[in-house]
Amino acid sequence: GTLVLGDVGLQLSTARWVRFLTEQRIGAFECAGRYVDDLVEFVAAAGVRLVDLRLLVVTTEVWRTGSARRAVEVLGERVRLLAGYGITETTIDSTFADLTAVDEVARATPIGGPLPGVSVRVLERSLRPVPAGGLGEVFIGGVGVARGYVGRPELTAQRFVADPFAGDGSRLYRSGDRGRWRSDGQLEFAGRVDEQVKVRGYRIEPGEVRAA
């Protein structure tokens, strides 16, 4: 397929966004869940059909099951719906979950399992694995892990740690996210270990806001 880049202004106008998807005949599309919610409701209200869309990936923030069910209802089952999870420091997407058939019971959609070349672990403070169903911090390893933060050696040492399960010198990225492994083998996001929040997909550090 052809990679089509839209300008950042599309995020400010759902109508422009829908027109862009239609005119460019977009077949696969990835963005933050908040924008997908706006897109789905606009399509439903305007009676628009995104006839070329076949794959929709929701990433950068946790999506509620109600939103996923609404997207399937409005867009139709011909559109495959995936949830992605990842962090800039691990080259964005690290896991995916198929949401086309959404669990009616769970409040939050799962964030799935690791992509090829990626390892995801839920660990205790001592870096020991947490049993399935137990809460721990999510650590990400594999080919996508960055080298560190430019000019920030202390922060790099804190967040990029030696992988205790590998003997090849590779590292894990300490995400700061809490998670658990579900009984079906899917990873579930369970909040943060610190005060960091996400607003429309962007990470916000309240401590930095207070300092400013």
N, C-alpha and C. Protein backbone atom coordinates (compact mmCIF):
# COMPACT_ATOMS: atom_id res chain seq x y z
N GLY A 1 0.82 -1.20 0.00
CA GLY A 1 0.00 0.00 0.00
C GLY A 1 0.85 1.24 0.00
N THR A 2 0.21 2.38 -0.05
CA THR A 2 0.88 3.67 -0.06
C THR A 2 0.75 4.34 1.30
N LEU A 3 1.86 4.83 1.84
CA LEU A 3 1.85 5.56 3.10
C LEU A 3 1.39 6.99 2.85
N VAL A 4 0.34 7.42 3.52
CA VAL A 4 -0.21 8.77 3.35
C VAL A 4 -0.09 9.51 4.68
N LEU A 5 0.56 10.66 4.68
CA LEU A 5 0.75 11.45 5.90
C LEU A 5 -0.21 12.63 5.91
N GLY A 6 -0.93 12.78 7.02
CA GLY A 6 -1.81 13.93 7.17
C GLY A 6 -1.17 14.96 8.07
N ASP A 7 -1.52 16.22 7.90
CA ASP A 7 -0.93 17.27 8.74
C ASP A 7 -1.56 17.24 10.13
N VAL A 8 -0.87 17.82 11.09
CA VAL A 8 -1.30 17.76 12.48
C VAL A 8 -2.64 18.46 12.70
N GLY A 9 -3.01 19.38 11.82
CA GLY A 9 -4.27 20.08 11.96
C GLY A 9 -5.49 19.19 11.84
N LEU A 10 -5.32 18.00 11.27
CA LEU A 10 -6.45 17.08 11.14
C LEU A 10 -7.02 16.70 12.50
N GLN A 11 -6.16 16.68 13.52
CA GLN A 11 -6.60 16.31 14.86
C GLN A 11 -7.57 17.33 15.45
N LEU A 12 -7.56 18.55 14.91
CA LEU A 12 -8.39 19.61 15.46
C LEU A 12 -9.76 19.68 14.82
N SER A 13 -9.98 18.91 13.75
CA SER A 13 -11.26 18.94 13.06
C SER A 13 -11.63 17.53 12.61
N THR A 14 -12.64 16.95 13.27
CA THR A 14 -13.06 15.60 12.91
C THR A 14 -13.63 15.56 11.49
N ALA A 15 -14.31 16.63 11.08
CA ALA A 15 -14.86 16.68 9.73
C ALA A 15 -13.74 16.63 8.68
N ARG A 16 -12.68 17.39 8.90
CA ARG A 16 -11.54 17.36 7.98
C ARG A 16 -10.90 15.99 7.95
N TRP A 17 -10.85 15.37 9.12
CA TRP A 17 -10.23 14.05 9.26
C TRP A 17 -11.00 13.01 8.44
N VAL A 18 -12.32 13.02 8.58
CA VAL A 18 -13.16 12.07 7.84
C VAL A 18 -13.03 12.32 6.34
N ARG A 19 -12.99 13.59 5.94
CA ARG A 19 -12.82 13.91 4.52
C ARG A 19 -11.47 13.41 4.01
N PHE A 20 -10.44 13.56 4.82
CA PHE A 20 -9.11 13.08 4.45
C PHE A 20 -9.11 11.56 4.26
N LEU A 21 -9.71 10.83 5.21
CA LEU A 21 -9.76 9.37 5.11
C LEU A 21 -10.52 8.93 3.87
N THR A 22 -11.58 9.64 3.55
CA THR A 22 -12.42 9.28 2.39
C THR A 22 -11.72 9.60 1.08
N GLU A 23 -11.20 10.82 0.96
CA GLU A 23 -10.59 11.25 -0.29
C GLU A 23 -9.30 10.48 -0.59
N GLN A 24 -8.54 10.15 0.45
CA GLN A 24 -7.29 9.42 0.25
C GLN A 24 -7.49 7.90 0.21
N ARG A 25 -8.74 7.47 0.40
CA ARG A 25 -9.09 6.04 0.37
C ARG A 25 -8.21 5.24 1.34
N ILE A 26 -8.15 5.73 2.59
CA ILE A 26 -7.30 5.10 3.60
C ILE A 26 -7.86 3.73 3.98
N GLY A 27 -6.99 2.71 3.94
CA GLY A 27 -7.42 1.35 4.28
C GLY A 27 -6.98 0.91 5.66
N ALA A 28 -5.88 1.47 6.18
CA ALA A 28 -5.37 1.13 7.51
C ALA A 28 -4.99 2.42 8.21
N PHE A 29 -5.38 2.54 9.47
CA PHE A 29 -5.33 3.83 10.16
C PHE A 29 -5.03 3.61 11.63
N GLU A 30 -4.08 4.37 12.19
CA GLU A 30 -3.71 4.22 13.60
C GLU A 30 -3.69 5.58 14.29
N CYS A 31 -4.30 5.66 15.48
CA CYS A 31 -4.24 6.91 16.24
C CYS A 31 -4.70 6.66 17.68
N ALA A 32 -4.66 7.71 18.49
CA ALA A 32 -5.06 7.63 19.89
C ALA A 32 -6.56 7.42 20.03
N GLY A 33 -6.95 6.71 21.09
CA GLY A 33 -8.35 6.35 21.30
C GLY A 33 -9.29 7.53 21.40
N ARG A 34 -8.86 8.63 21.99
CA ARG A 34 -9.73 9.80 22.14
C ARG A 34 -10.19 10.30 20.77
N TYR A 35 -9.29 10.32 19.81
CA TYR A 35 -9.64 10.78 18.47
C TYR A 35 -10.55 9.78 17.75
N VAL A 36 -10.33 8.49 18.03
CA VAL A 36 -11.19 7.47 17.42
C VAL A 36 -12.63 7.62 17.93
N ASP A 37 -12.79 7.91 19.21
CA ASP A 37 -14.13 8.13 19.76
C ASP A 37 -14.84 9.26 19.01
N ASP A 38 -14.13 10.38 18.81
CA ASP A 38 -14.70 11.52 18.08
C ASP A 38 -15.05 11.12 16.65
N LEU A 39 -14.15 10.38 16.01
CA LEU A 39 -14.35 9.96 14.63
C LEU A 39 -15.58 9.07 14.50
N VAL A 40 -15.72 8.11 15.40
CA VAL A 40 -16.84 7.16 15.35
C VAL A 40 -18.16 7.90 15.51
N GLU A 41 -18.24 8.83 16.48
CA GLU A 41 -19.49 9.55 16.70
C GLU A 41 -19.82 10.48 15.53
N PHE A 42 -18.82 11.07 14.91
CA PHE A 42 -19.06 11.92 13.74
C PHE A 42 -19.61 11.09 12.59
N VAL A 43 -19.00 9.94 12.34
CA VAL A 43 -19.45 9.04 11.26
C VAL A 43 -20.88 8.60 11.51
N ALA A 44 -21.20 8.28 12.77
CA ALA A 44 -22.56 7.83 13.10
C ALA A 44 -23.58 8.95 12.88
N ALA A 45 -23.25 10.17 13.31
CA ALA A 45 -24.19 11.28 13.20
C ALA A 45 -24.38 11.75 11.75
N ALA A 46 -23.28 11.72 10.98
CA ALA A 46 -23.33 12.23 9.60
C ALA A 46 -23.76 11.16 8.59
N GLY A 47 -23.80 9.92 9.04
CA GLY A 47 -24.16 8.84 8.11
C GLY A 47 -23.10 8.57 7.07
N VAL A 48 -21.86 8.86 7.39
CA VAL A 48 -20.75 8.65 6.45
C VAL A 48 -20.32 7.18 6.49
N ARG A 49 -19.92 6.66 5.34
CA ARG A 49 -19.39 5.30 5.27
C ARG A 49 -17.94 5.36 4.81
N LEU A 50 -17.05 4.85 5.65
CA LEU A 50 -15.63 4.78 5.29
C LEU A 50 -15.41 3.45 4.55
N VAL A 51 -15.76 3.44 3.28
CA VAL A 51 -15.85 2.19 2.52
C VAL A 51 -14.50 1.52 2.31
N ASP A 52 -13.41 2.27 2.36
CA ASP A 52 -12.09 1.69 2.11
C ASP A 52 -11.40 1.21 3.38
N LEU A 53 -11.90 1.63 4.54
CA LEU A 53 -11.23 1.30 5.80
C LEU A 53 -11.39 -0.18 6.12
N ARG A 54 -10.27 -0.85 6.39
CA ARG A 54 -10.28 -2.27 6.73
C ARG A 54 -9.59 -2.56 8.06
N LEU A 55 -8.71 -1.66 8.50
CA LEU A 55 -7.95 -1.89 9.73
C LEU A 55 -7.86 -0.59 10.52
N LEU A 56 -8.27 -0.63 11.78
CA LEU A 56 -8.20 0.52 12.68
C LEU A 56 -7.43 0.11 13.93
N VAL A 57 -6.34 0.81 14.20
CA VAL A 57 -5.49 0.51 15.36
C VAL A 57 -5.58 1.66 16.35
N VAL A 58 -5.99 1.35 17.57
CA VAL A 58 -6.10 2.34 18.64
C VAL A 58 -4.90 2.16 19.55
N THR A 59 -4.12 3.22 19.73
CA THR A 59 -2.88 3.09 20.48
C THR A 59 -2.63 4.32 21.33
N THR A 60 -1.56 4.28 22.10
CA THR A 60 -1.04 5.34 22.99
C THR A 60 -1.85 5.56 24.26
N GLU A 61 -3.04 5.03 24.37
CA GLU A 61 -3.82 5.18 25.60
C GLU A 61 -4.82 4.02 25.70
N VAL A 62 -5.23 3.72 26.94
CA VAL A 62 -6.14 2.60 27.17
C VAL A 62 -7.54 2.97 26.71
N TRP A 63 -8.19 2.02 26.08
CA TRP A 63 -9.53 2.22 25.53
C TRP A 63 -10.52 1.41 26.35
N ARG A 64 -11.67 1.99 26.65
CA ARG A 64 -12.71 1.26 27.38
C ARG A 64 -13.50 0.36 26.44
N THR A 65 -14.01 -0.74 26.99
CA THR A 65 -14.72 -1.70 26.14
C THR A 65 -15.96 -1.09 25.50
N GLY A 66 -16.60 -0.13 26.18
CA GLY A 66 -17.76 0.52 25.59
C GLY A 66 -17.41 1.24 24.30
N SER A 67 -16.23 1.86 24.26
CA SER A 67 -15.78 2.55 23.05
C SER A 67 -15.50 1.55 21.94
N ALA A 68 -14.91 0.42 22.29
CA ALA A 68 -14.61 -0.60 21.29
C ALA A 68 -15.89 -1.17 20.69
N ARG A 69 -16.87 -1.46 21.54
CA ARG A 69 -18.14 -2.01 21.04
C ARG A 69 -18.85 -0.99 20.14
N ARG A 70 -18.77 0.29 20.52
CA ARG A 70 -19.39 1.33 19.71
C ARG A 70 -18.74 1.43 18.33
N ALA A 71 -17.41 1.31 18.29
CA ALA A 71 -16.69 1.38 17.02
C ALA A 71 -17.09 0.23 16.10
N VAL A 72 -17.21 -0.98 16.65
CA VAL A 72 -17.63 -2.13 15.86
C VAL A 72 -19.05 -1.93 15.34
N GLU A 73 -19.92 -1.38 16.21
CA GLU A 73 -21.32 -1.14 15.84
C GLU A 73 -21.43 -0.15 14.69
N VAL A 74 -20.64 0.93 14.74
CA VAL A 74 -20.75 2.00 13.74
C VAL A 74 -20.00 1.66 12.45
N LEU A 75 -18.78 1.14 12.59
CA LEU A 75 -17.93 0.91 11.42
C LEU A 75 -18.20 -0.42 10.73
N GLY A 76 -18.79 -1.36 11.48
CA GLY A 76 -19.09 -2.65 10.89
C GLY A 76 -17.99 -3.66 11.13
N GLU A 77 -18.33 -4.93 11.04
CA GLU A 77 -17.38 -5.99 11.34
C GLU A 77 -16.33 -6.17 10.25
N ARG A 78 -16.52 -5.53 9.10
CA ARG A 78 -15.51 -5.63 8.04
C ARG A 78 -14.23 -4.89 8.43
N VAL A 79 -14.32 -3.97 9.40
CA VAL A 79 -13.14 -3.24 9.87
C VAL A 79 -12.53 -4.01 11.05
N ARG A 80 -11.31 -4.46 10.88
CA ARG A 80 -10.62 -5.15 11.97
C ARG A 80 -10.12 -4.11 12.97
N LEU A 81 -10.40 -4.34 14.23
CA LEU A 81 -10.10 -3.38 15.29
C LEU A 81 -9.02 -3.94 16.20
N LEU A 82 -7.91 -3.22 16.31
CA LEU A 82 -6.79 -3.64 17.15
C LEU A 82 -6.47 -2.57 18.19
N ALA A 83 -6.03 -3.02 19.36
CA ALA A 83 -5.51 -2.11 20.38
C ALA A 83 -4.01 -2.31 20.46
N GLY A 84 -3.27 -1.22 20.41
CA GLY A 84 -1.82 -1.29 20.52
C GLY A 84 -1.34 -0.66 21.81
N TYR A 85 -0.17 -1.09 22.26
CA TYR A 85 0.43 -0.51 23.46
C TYR A 85 1.93 -0.37 23.21
N GLY A 86 2.48 0.72 23.63
CA GLY A 86 3.91 0.92 23.50
C GLY A 86 4.30 2.31 23.95
N ILE A 87 5.58 2.58 23.91
CA ILE A 87 6.13 3.81 24.46
C ILE A 87 7.19 4.32 23.49
N THR A 88 7.38 5.62 23.45
CA THR A 88 8.38 6.22 22.57
C THR A 88 9.74 5.54 22.73
N GLU A 89 10.12 5.27 23.99
CA GLU A 89 11.44 4.70 24.26
C GLU A 89 11.60 3.26 23.76
N THR A 90 10.50 2.64 23.36
CA THR A 90 10.58 1.29 22.80
C THR A 90 10.06 1.27 21.37
N THR A 91 10.21 2.41 20.70
CA THR A 91 9.79 2.58 19.30
C THR A 91 8.29 2.36 19.14
N ILE A 92 7.52 2.97 20.03
CA ILE A 92 6.06 3.02 20.03
C ILE A 92 5.44 1.65 20.24
N ASP A 93 4.90 1.02 19.21
CA ASP A 93 4.07 -0.17 19.41
C ASP A 93 4.90 -1.39 19.82
N SER A 94 4.50 -2.01 20.94
CA SER A 94 5.17 -3.23 21.42
C SER A 94 4.22 -4.41 21.51
N THR A 95 2.93 -4.14 21.75
CA THR A 95 1.94 -5.22 21.85
C THR A 95 0.70 -4.86 21.04
N PHE A 96 -0.08 -5.90 20.70
CA PHE A 96 -1.35 -5.70 20.02
C PHE A 96 -2.37 -6.70 20.53
N ALA A 97 -3.63 -6.26 20.58
CA ALA A 97 -4.76 -7.14 20.92
C ALA A 97 -5.85 -6.94 19.88
N ASP A 98 -6.50 -8.03 19.47
CA ASP A 98 -7.60 -7.95 18.51
C ASP A 98 -8.88 -7.68 19.28
N LEU A 99 -9.55 -6.56 18.99
CA LEU A 99 -10.75 -6.15 19.72
C LEU A 99 -12.02 -6.36 18.91
N THR A 100 -11.93 -7.04 17.79
CA THR A 100 -13.12 -7.23 16.95
C THR A 100 -14.22 -7.94 17.72
N ALA A 101 -13.84 -8.90 18.55
CA ALA A 101 -14.79 -9.56 19.45
C ALA A 101 -14.45 -9.11 20.86
N VAL A 102 -15.18 -8.13 21.37
CA VAL A 102 -14.84 -7.48 22.64
C VAL A 102 -15.47 -8.20 23.81
N ASP A 103 -14.67 -8.37 24.88
CA ASP A 103 -15.15 -8.98 26.12
C ASP A 103 -16.21 -8.08 26.75
N GLU A 104 -17.40 -8.61 26.95
CA GLU A 104 -18.51 -7.81 27.50
C GLU A 104 -18.33 -7.50 28.98
N VAL A 105 -17.47 -8.27 29.67
CA VAL A 105 -17.35 -8.14 31.12
C VAL A 105 -16.27 -7.13 31.51
N ALA A 106 -15.13 -7.20 30.84
CA ALA A 106 -13.99 -6.36 31.22
C ALA A 106 -14.30 -4.88 31.03
N ARG A 107 -13.80 -4.05 31.95
CA ARG A 107 -14.00 -2.60 31.84
C ARG A 107 -13.05 -2.00 30.82
N ALA A 108 -11.79 -2.46 30.86
CA ALA A 108 -10.78 -1.94 29.95
C ALA A 108 -10.42 -3.00 28.92
N THR A 109 -10.15 -2.56 27.70
CA THR A 109 -9.74 -3.50 26.67
C THR A 109 -8.33 -4.01 26.99
N PRO A 110 -8.02 -5.25 26.65
CA PRO A 110 -6.66 -5.75 26.85
C PRO A 110 -5.71 -5.06 25.87
N ILE A 111 -4.42 -5.09 26.20
CA ILE A 111 -3.43 -4.53 25.28
C ILE A 111 -2.60 -5.64 24.65
N GLY A 112 -3.03 -6.89 24.83
CA GLY A 112 -2.55 -7.99 24.03
C GLY A 112 -1.24 -8.60 24.44
N GLY A 113 -0.54 -9.13 23.43
CA GLY A 113 0.74 -9.78 23.63
C GLY A 113 1.80 -9.13 22.78
N PRO A 114 3.07 -9.48 23.02
CA PRO A 114 4.17 -8.80 22.34
C PRO A 114 4.26 -9.13 20.86
N LEU A 115 4.72 -8.14 20.10
CA LEU A 115 5.01 -8.33 18.69
C LEU A 115 6.28 -9.17 18.54
N PRO A 116 6.52 -9.74 17.36
CA PRO A 116 7.79 -10.45 17.13
C PRO A 116 8.98 -9.54 17.42
N GLY A 117 9.99 -10.09 18.08
CA GLY A 117 11.17 -9.31 18.42
C GLY A 117 11.04 -8.47 19.66
N VAL A 118 9.90 -8.61 20.36
CA VAL A 118 9.63 -7.83 21.57
C VAL A 118 9.39 -8.78 22.74
N SER A 119 9.91 -8.45 23.91
CA SER A 119 9.58 -9.19 25.14
C SER A 119 8.89 -8.24 26.11
N VAL A 120 7.83 -8.72 26.75
CA VAL A 120 7.10 -7.92 27.73
C VAL A 120 7.03 -8.73 29.03
N ARG A 121 7.42 -8.10 30.13
CA ARG A 121 7.42 -8.78 31.42
C ARG A 121 6.73 -7.91 32.47
N VAL A 122 6.01 -8.56 33.37
CA VAL A 122 5.40 -7.88 34.51
C VAL A 122 6.20 -8.32 35.73
N LEU A 123 6.89 -7.35 36.36
CA LEU A 123 7.86 -7.68 37.40
C LEU A 123 7.59 -6.95 38.71
N GLU A 124 8.11 -7.55 39.81
CA GLU A 124 8.10 -6.90 41.11
C GLU A 124 9.24 -5.88 41.16
N ARG A 125 9.32 -5.15 42.29
CA ARG A 125 10.41 -4.18 42.46
C ARG A 125 11.78 -4.86 42.37
N SER A 126 11.85 -6.12 42.82
CA SER A 126 13.11 -6.87 42.81
C SER A 126 13.41 -7.46 41.44
N LEU A 127 12.58 -7.15 40.45
CA LEU A 127 12.70 -7.65 39.08
C LEU A 127 12.41 -9.15 38.97
N ARG A 128 11.63 -9.65 39.91
CA ARG A 128 11.16 -11.03 39.81
C ARG A 128 9.79 -11.03 39.16
N PRO A 129 9.47 -12.07 38.35
CA PRO A 129 8.17 -12.11 37.67
C PRO A 129 7.00 -12.17 38.64
N VAL A 130 5.92 -11.49 38.30
CA VAL A 130 4.69 -11.52 39.08
C VAL A 130 3.81 -12.65 38.52
N PRO A 131 3.21 -13.47 39.36
CA PRO A 131 2.33 -14.54 38.86
C PRO A 131 1.16 -13.97 38.06
N ALA A 132 0.61 -14.78 37.17
CA ALA A 132 -0.54 -14.36 36.36
C ALA A 132 -1.66 -13.86 37.27
N GLY A 133 -2.25 -12.73 36.93
CA GLY A 133 -3.31 -12.13 37.72
C GLY A 133 -2.81 -11.12 38.74
N GLY A 134 -1.51 -11.14 39.05
CA GLY A 134 -0.95 -10.22 40.02
C GLY A 134 -0.47 -8.94 39.35
N LEU A 135 -0.48 -7.84 40.11
CA LEU A 135 -0.06 -6.55 39.58
C LEU A 135 1.44 -6.36 39.70
N GLY A 136 2.03 -5.76 38.69
CA GLY A 136 3.44 -5.44 38.73
C GLY A 136 3.73 -4.35 37.71
N GLU A 137 5.01 -3.98 37.58
CA GLU A 137 5.39 -2.98 36.60
C GLU A 137 5.72 -3.64 35.27
N VAL A 138 5.32 -3.00 34.18
CA VAL A 138 5.55 -3.54 32.84
C VAL A 138 6.94 -3.13 32.36
N PHE A 139 7.73 -4.11 31.97
CA PHE A 139 9.06 -3.90 31.41
C PHE A 139 9.06 -4.40 29.97
N ILE A 140 9.70 -3.65 29.07
CA ILE A 140 9.70 -4.00 27.65
C ILE A 140 11.13 -4.18 27.17
N GLY A 141 11.37 -5.28 26.47
CA GLY A 141 12.68 -5.54 25.90
C GLY A 141 12.57 -5.86 24.42
N GLY A 142 13.72 -6.08 23.80
CA GLY A 142 13.72 -6.44 22.38
C GLY A 142 14.41 -5.42 21.51
N VAL A 143 14.26 -5.61 20.21
CA VAL A 143 15.01 -4.81 19.24
C VAL A 143 14.59 -3.34 19.22
N GLY A 144 13.41 -3.01 19.74
CA GLY A 144 12.93 -1.63 19.67
C GLY A 144 13.38 -0.75 20.81
N VAL A 145 14.05 -1.31 21.83
CA VAL A 145 14.43 -0.51 22.99
C VAL A 145 15.52 0.49 22.61
N ALA A 146 15.30 1.76 22.99
CA ALA A 146 16.25 2.83 22.65
C ALA A 146 17.54 2.68 23.44
N ARG A 147 18.55 3.46 23.06
CA ARG A 147 19.83 3.42 23.76
C ARG A 147 19.80 4.19 25.07
N GLY A 148 18.89 5.15 25.17
CA GLY A 148 18.81 5.95 26.39
C GLY A 148 18.38 7.36 26.08
N TYR A 149 18.47 8.23 27.09
CA TYR A 149 18.10 9.63 26.93
C TYR A 149 19.35 10.46 26.66
N VAL A 150 19.27 11.33 25.67
CA VAL A 150 20.42 12.14 25.29
C VAL A 150 20.78 13.11 26.42
N GLY A 151 22.02 13.04 26.89
CA GLY A 151 22.49 13.95 27.92
C GLY A 151 21.88 13.72 29.29
N ARG A 152 21.23 12.56 29.50
CA ARG A 152 20.59 12.27 30.80
C ARG A 152 21.06 10.90 31.31
N PRO A 153 22.34 10.74 31.66
CA PRO A 153 22.86 9.43 32.07
C PRO A 153 22.19 8.87 33.31
N GLU A 154 21.83 9.74 34.28
CA GLU A 154 21.19 9.24 35.50
C GLU A 154 19.81 8.66 35.20
N LEU A 155 19.03 9.39 34.39
CA LEU A 155 17.70 8.92 34.04
C LEU A 155 17.78 7.66 33.18
N THR A 156 18.78 7.61 32.29
CA THR A 156 18.96 6.42 31.46
C THR A 156 19.24 5.20 32.33
N ALA A 157 20.10 5.35 33.32
CA ALA A 157 20.42 4.23 34.21
C ALA A 157 19.22 3.79 35.01
N GLN A 158 18.35 4.73 35.35
CA GLN A 158 17.15 4.42 36.14
C GLN A 158 16.11 3.68 35.33
N ARG A 159 15.93 4.06 34.06
CA ARG A 159 14.83 3.52 33.26
C ARG A 159 15.23 2.36 32.36
N PHE A 160 16.48 2.33 31.92
CA PHE A 160 16.96 1.24 31.06
C PHE A 160 17.84 0.32 31.90
N VAL A 161 17.31 -0.84 32.26
CA VAL A 161 17.99 -1.74 33.19
C VAL A 161 18.42 -3.02 32.49
N ALA A 162 19.47 -3.64 33.03
CA ALA A 162 19.95 -4.90 32.46
C ALA A 162 18.85 -5.96 32.56
N ASP A 163 18.68 -6.73 31.50
CA ASP A 163 17.66 -7.77 31.46
C ASP A 163 18.16 -8.97 32.27
N PRO A 164 17.54 -9.24 33.44
CA PRO A 164 18.02 -10.34 34.28
C PRO A 164 17.72 -11.72 33.69
N PHE A 165 16.92 -11.77 32.62
CA PHE A 165 16.53 -13.05 32.02
C PHE A 165 17.34 -13.36 30.76
N ALA A 166 18.26 -12.47 30.41
CA ALA A 166 19.08 -12.67 29.21
C ALA A 166 20.55 -12.54 29.58
N GLY A 167 21.36 -13.30 28.93
CA GLY A 167 22.80 -13.25 29.21
C GLY A 167 23.58 -12.59 28.11
N ASP A 168 22.89 -11.80 27.28
CA ASP A 168 23.55 -11.20 26.12
C ASP A 168 23.79 -9.70 26.27
N GLY A 169 23.60 -9.17 27.48
CA GLY A 169 23.83 -7.75 27.70
C GLY A 169 22.68 -6.85 27.29
N SER A 170 21.55 -7.42 26.90
CA SER A 170 20.40 -6.61 26.48
C SER A 170 19.74 -5.97 27.70
N ARG A 171 18.88 -4.99 27.42
CA ARG A 171 18.25 -4.23 28.50
C ARG A 171 16.74 -4.26 28.38
N LEU A 172 16.10 -3.95 29.49
CA LEU A 172 14.64 -3.78 29.55
C LEU A 172 14.35 -2.31 29.85
N TYR A 173 13.27 -1.81 29.28
CA TYR A 173 12.83 -0.46 29.61
C TYR A 173 11.77 -0.53 30.69
N ARG A 174 12.01 0.19 31.79
CA ARG A 174 11.06 0.26 32.90
C ARG A 174 9.99 1.29 32.53
N SER A 175 8.79 0.81 32.21
CA SER A 175 7.77 1.68 31.61
C SER A 175 7.10 2.63 32.59
N GLY A 176 7.05 2.24 33.88
CA GLY A 176 6.28 3.03 34.84
C GLY A 176 4.79 2.70 34.81
N ASP A 177 4.39 1.81 33.91
CA ASP A 177 3.00 1.36 33.83
C ASP A 177 2.81 0.11 34.68
N ARG A 178 1.65 0.02 35.31
CA ARG A 178 1.30 -1.19 36.04
C ARG A 178 0.43 -2.07 35.14
N GLY A 179 0.60 -3.38 35.28
CA GLY A 179 -0.19 -4.29 34.46
C GLY A 179 -0.31 -5.64 35.10
N ARG A 180 -1.11 -6.50 34.47
CA ARG A 180 -1.25 -7.89 34.91
C ARG A 180 -1.50 -8.77 33.69
N TRP A 181 -1.06 -10.02 33.80
CA TRP A 181 -1.36 -11.00 32.77
C TRP A 181 -2.70 -11.64 33.08
N ARG A 182 -3.64 -11.60 32.15
CA ARG A 182 -4.95 -12.22 32.34
C ARG A 182 -4.85 -13.72 32.12
N SER A 183 -5.90 -14.42 32.51
CA SER A 183 -5.91 -15.88 32.37
C SER A 183 -5.87 -16.32 30.91
N ASP A 184 -6.28 -15.44 29.99
CA ASP A 184 -6.26 -15.77 28.57
C ASP A 184 -4.94 -15.42 27.90
N GLY A 185 -3.94 -14.99 28.72
CA GLY A 185 -2.63 -14.67 28.17
C GLY A 185 -2.49 -13.25 27.65
N GLN A 186 -3.54 -12.44 27.80
CA GLN A 186 -3.52 -11.06 27.34
C GLN A 186 -3.02 -10.15 28.47
N LEU A 187 -2.27 -9.13 28.09
CA LEU A 187 -1.80 -8.14 29.05
C LEU A 187 -2.87 -7.08 29.26
N GLU A 188 -3.06 -6.67 30.51
CA GLU A 188 -4.05 -5.66 30.85
C GLU A 188 -3.36 -4.49 31.55
N PHE A 189 -3.63 -3.28 31.09
CA PHE A 189 -3.07 -2.07 31.69
C PHE A 189 -3.82 -1.76 32.98
N ALA A 190 -3.09 -1.37 34.04
CA ALA A 190 -3.73 -1.13 35.34
C ALA A 190 -3.26 0.16 36.00
N GLY A 191 -2.90 1.15 35.20
CA GLY A 191 -2.53 2.44 35.77
C GLY A 191 -1.03 2.67 35.81
N ARG A 192 -0.63 3.67 36.59
CA ARG A 192 0.77 4.06 36.67
C ARG A 192 1.32 3.79 38.06
N VAL A 193 2.65 3.67 38.15
CA VAL A 193 3.31 3.57 39.44
C VAL A 193 3.65 4.96 39.98
N ASP A 194 3.47 5.99 39.14
CA ASP A 194 3.73 7.36 39.55
C ASP A 194 2.52 8.23 39.19
N GLU A 195 2.70 9.55 39.11
CA GLU A 195 1.58 10.46 38.88
C GLU A 195 1.37 10.80 37.41
N GLN A 196 2.19 10.24 36.52
CA GLN A 196 2.08 10.59 35.11
C GLN A 196 0.68 10.29 34.57
N VAL A 197 0.16 11.20 33.73
CA VAL A 197 -1.14 11.01 33.10
C VAL A 197 -0.99 11.21 31.60
N LYS A 198 -2.00 10.76 30.85
CA LYS A 198 -2.01 10.98 29.41
C LYS A 198 -3.24 11.80 29.03
N VAL A 199 -3.02 12.80 28.19
CA VAL A 199 -4.09 13.65 27.70
C VAL A 199 -4.05 13.59 26.18
N ARG A 200 -5.09 12.98 25.59
CA ARG A 200 -5.14 12.79 24.13
C ARG A 200 -3.85 12.18 23.58
N GLY A 201 -3.33 11.19 24.31
CA GLY A 201 -2.17 10.46 23.83
C GLY A 201 -0.83 11.04 24.23
N TYR A 202 -0.81 12.24 24.83
CA TYR A 202 0.45 12.87 25.21
C TYR A 202 0.73 12.65 26.70
N ARG A 203 1.98 12.28 27.01
CA ARG A 203 2.36 12.08 28.40
C ARG A 203 2.55 13.42 29.11
N ILE A 204 1.96 13.56 30.27
CA ILE A 204 2.05 14.78 31.06
C ILE A 204 2.60 14.42 32.45
N GLU A 205 3.64 15.12 32.87
CA GLU A 205 4.22 14.92 34.20
C GLU A 205 3.75 16.06 35.10
N PRO A 206 2.83 15.79 36.03
CA PRO A 206 2.34 16.85 36.93
C PRO A 206 3.47 17.56 37.70
N GLY A 207 4.53 16.83 38.02
CA GLY A 207 5.65 17.44 38.73
C GLY A 207 6.32 18.53 37.92
N GLU A 208 6.42 18.30 36.60
CA GLU A 208 7.00 19.32 35.73
C GLU A 208 6.10 20.54 35.63
N VAL A 209 4.78 20.30 35.64
CA VAL A 209 3.84 21.41 35.60
C VAL A 209 3.96 22.25 36.87
N ARG A 210 4.04 21.57 38.04
CA ARG A 210 4.19 22.29 39.30
C ARG A 210 5.48 23.11 39.32
N ALA A 211 6.57 22.50 38.81
CA ALA A 211 7.86 23.19 38.81
C ALA A 211 7.83 24.44 37.94
N ALA A 212 7.08 24.36 36.82
CA ALA A 212 6.99 25.50 35.93
C ALA A 212 6.08 26.60 36.49
